[in-house]
Protein backbone atom coordinates (compact mmCIF):
# COMPACT_ATOMS: atom_id res chain seq x y z
CA MET A 1 -32.61 50.90 6.57
CA ALA A 2 -35.93 52.22 7.86
CA ALA A 3 -37.72 49.09 6.72
CA LYS A 4 -35.56 47.02 9.08
CA ASN A 5 -36.96 48.93 12.06
CA ASP A 6 -40.61 48.75 11.02
CA ASP A 7 -41.29 46.04 13.59
CA LEU A 8 -39.93 48.26 16.37
CA ARG A 9 -41.50 51.51 15.27
CA VAL A 10 -45.01 50.06 15.10
CA GLY A 11 -45.18 50.19 18.89
CA TYR A 12 -47.35 48.38 21.40
CA ASP A 13 -50.76 49.33 22.71
CA ILE A 14 -50.84 49.49 26.49
CA VAL A 15 -53.95 50.08 28.56
CA PHE A 16 -53.13 52.40 31.45
CA ALA A 17 -54.80 52.61 34.85
CA ASP A 18 -56.79 55.63 33.66
CA GLY A 19 -58.42 53.42 31.01
CA ALA A 20 -56.63 55.09 28.10
CA THR A 21 -54.77 53.01 25.54
CA ARG A 22 -51.51 54.51 24.40
CA LYS A 23 -49.22 53.22 21.65
CA ILE A 24 -45.72 52.99 23.09
CA LYS A 25 -42.70 53.01 20.82
CA PRO A 26 -39.06 52.36 21.72
CA LEU A 27 -37.08 55.23 23.15
CA THR A 28 -34.96 57.32 20.86
CA ILE A 29 -31.27 57.69 21.70
CA ARG A 30 -31.99 61.17 23.08
CA GLN A 31 -34.67 59.78 25.38
CA LEU A 32 -32.43 56.86 26.31
CA ARG A 33 -29.78 59.23 27.70
CA SER A 34 -32.25 60.71 30.20
CA PHE A 35 -33.89 57.37 30.86
CA MET A 36 -30.62 55.66 31.78
CA LYS A 37 -29.80 58.38 34.32
CA VAL A 38 -33.07 57.58 36.08
CA MET A 39 -32.52 53.84 35.79
CA ASP A 40 -29.08 54.22 37.40
CA LYS A 41 -30.83 55.65 40.46
CA MET A 42 -33.04 52.57 40.55
CA GLN A 43 -30.26 49.98 40.26
CA ASP A 44 -30.52 48.95 43.92
CA LEU A 45 -34.21 48.13 43.58
CA ASP A 46 -34.59 44.34 43.49
CA THR A 47 -37.74 43.67 41.49
CA GLU A 48 -37.52 39.94 42.25
CA ASP A 49 -37.61 40.46 46.04
CA THR A 50 -41.28 40.34 46.99
CA THR A 51 -40.49 41.40 50.57
CA GLN A 52 -38.70 44.61 49.59
CA SER A 53 -40.76 47.74 50.03
CA MET A 54 -40.52 50.74 47.77
CA SER A 55 -39.65 54.17 49.07
CA ASP A 56 -41.16 57.42 47.88
CA GLU A 57 -37.88 58.04 46.07
CA ASP A 58 -38.24 54.72 44.21
CA ILE A 59 -41.76 55.65 43.15
CA ASP A 60 -40.62 59.13 42.10
CA ASN A 61 -37.95 57.51 39.94
CA MET A 62 -40.53 55.18 38.40
CA VAL A 63 -42.76 58.15 37.56
CA GLU A 64 -39.78 60.01 36.08
CA ALA A 65 -38.87 56.99 33.93
CA ALA A 66 -42.48 56.69 32.78
CA ALA A 67 -42.57 60.40 31.94
CA ILE A 68 -39.53 60.00 29.69
CA ALA A 69 -41.08 56.99 27.97
CA LEU A 70 -44.34 58.89 27.43
CA SER A 71 -42.82 62.23 26.43
CA LYS A 72 -43.37 61.66 22.70
CA VAL A 73 -46.60 59.69 23.12
CA ASP A 74 -48.60 61.84 25.53
CA LYS A 75 -46.64 65.00 26.26
CA GLU A 76 -49.35 66.51 28.45
CA LEU A 77 -49.48 63.45 30.70
CA SER A 78 -45.69 63.16 30.85
CA GLU A 79 -45.45 66.73 32.15
CA ASP A 80 -48.07 66.28 34.91
CA SER A 81 -46.62 63.97 37.56
CA ASP A 82 -49.85 63.83 39.59
CA ALA A 83 -51.90 62.79 36.57
CA LEU A 84 -49.17 60.36 35.55
CA GLU A 85 -49.21 58.71 38.98
CA ASP A 86 -52.98 58.27 38.60
CA ALA A 87 -52.54 56.80 35.12
CA LEU A 88 -49.95 54.23 36.21
CA ASP A 89 -50.22 50.94 38.02
CA LEU A 90 -47.51 48.33 38.37
CA ARG A 91 -48.75 46.24 35.46
CA CYS A 92 -48.86 49.06 32.93
CA PHE A 93 -45.58 50.45 34.29
CA GLY A 94 -43.88 47.13 33.57
CA ALA A 95 -45.44 46.99 30.11
CA LEU A 96 -44.40 50.60 29.47
CA MET A 97 -40.79 49.85 30.43
CA ALA A 98 -40.71 46.74 28.22
CA ALA A 99 -42.23 48.52 25.21
CA SER A 100 -39.99 51.56 25.61
CA MET A 101 -36.99 49.22 25.37
CA GLY A 102 -38.41 47.70 22.17
CA ASN A 103 -39.63 44.49 23.80
CA ASP A 104 -43.10 43.03 23.45
CA PRO A 105 -44.81 43.73 26.79
CA ASN A 106 -47.23 40.86 26.17
CA LEU A 107 -44.60 38.12 26.28
CA ASP A 108 -44.84 37.72 30.07
CA GLN A 109 -48.62 37.54 30.18
C-alpha cells in the first residue's frame, strides 16, 4: 500500500519569500482536520475576483493555514506567525496550498 503513495509522499520543493526551499508534502488526516476549519473561515474569499481586497482576518487565516501545512516541515517557522508572514508571499502561499493538498504546484506556471 505504501508504494502506491510514493508519488504523493515525495513532496514538492517550494522556494519561499525568505529564500529558503522547503519540501512540502500532503497534509495528514490529522492536519487536514485543523486545515479545513481554517478553510471554512475563508470560504467567502473569492480568489478569482481581482477587485476584492483582503482583510486582516483573511490574511490571518492564510497564515494559520500555512502554519498547519508547514507544521511537520518547519515546526519553528510554523509556530512563529511574524516570521511566517515574512516567509510567505502570494505565489509561494498558492504553491504551498496546492502541494499540501497533494497537487503539483508547478502545473499552473
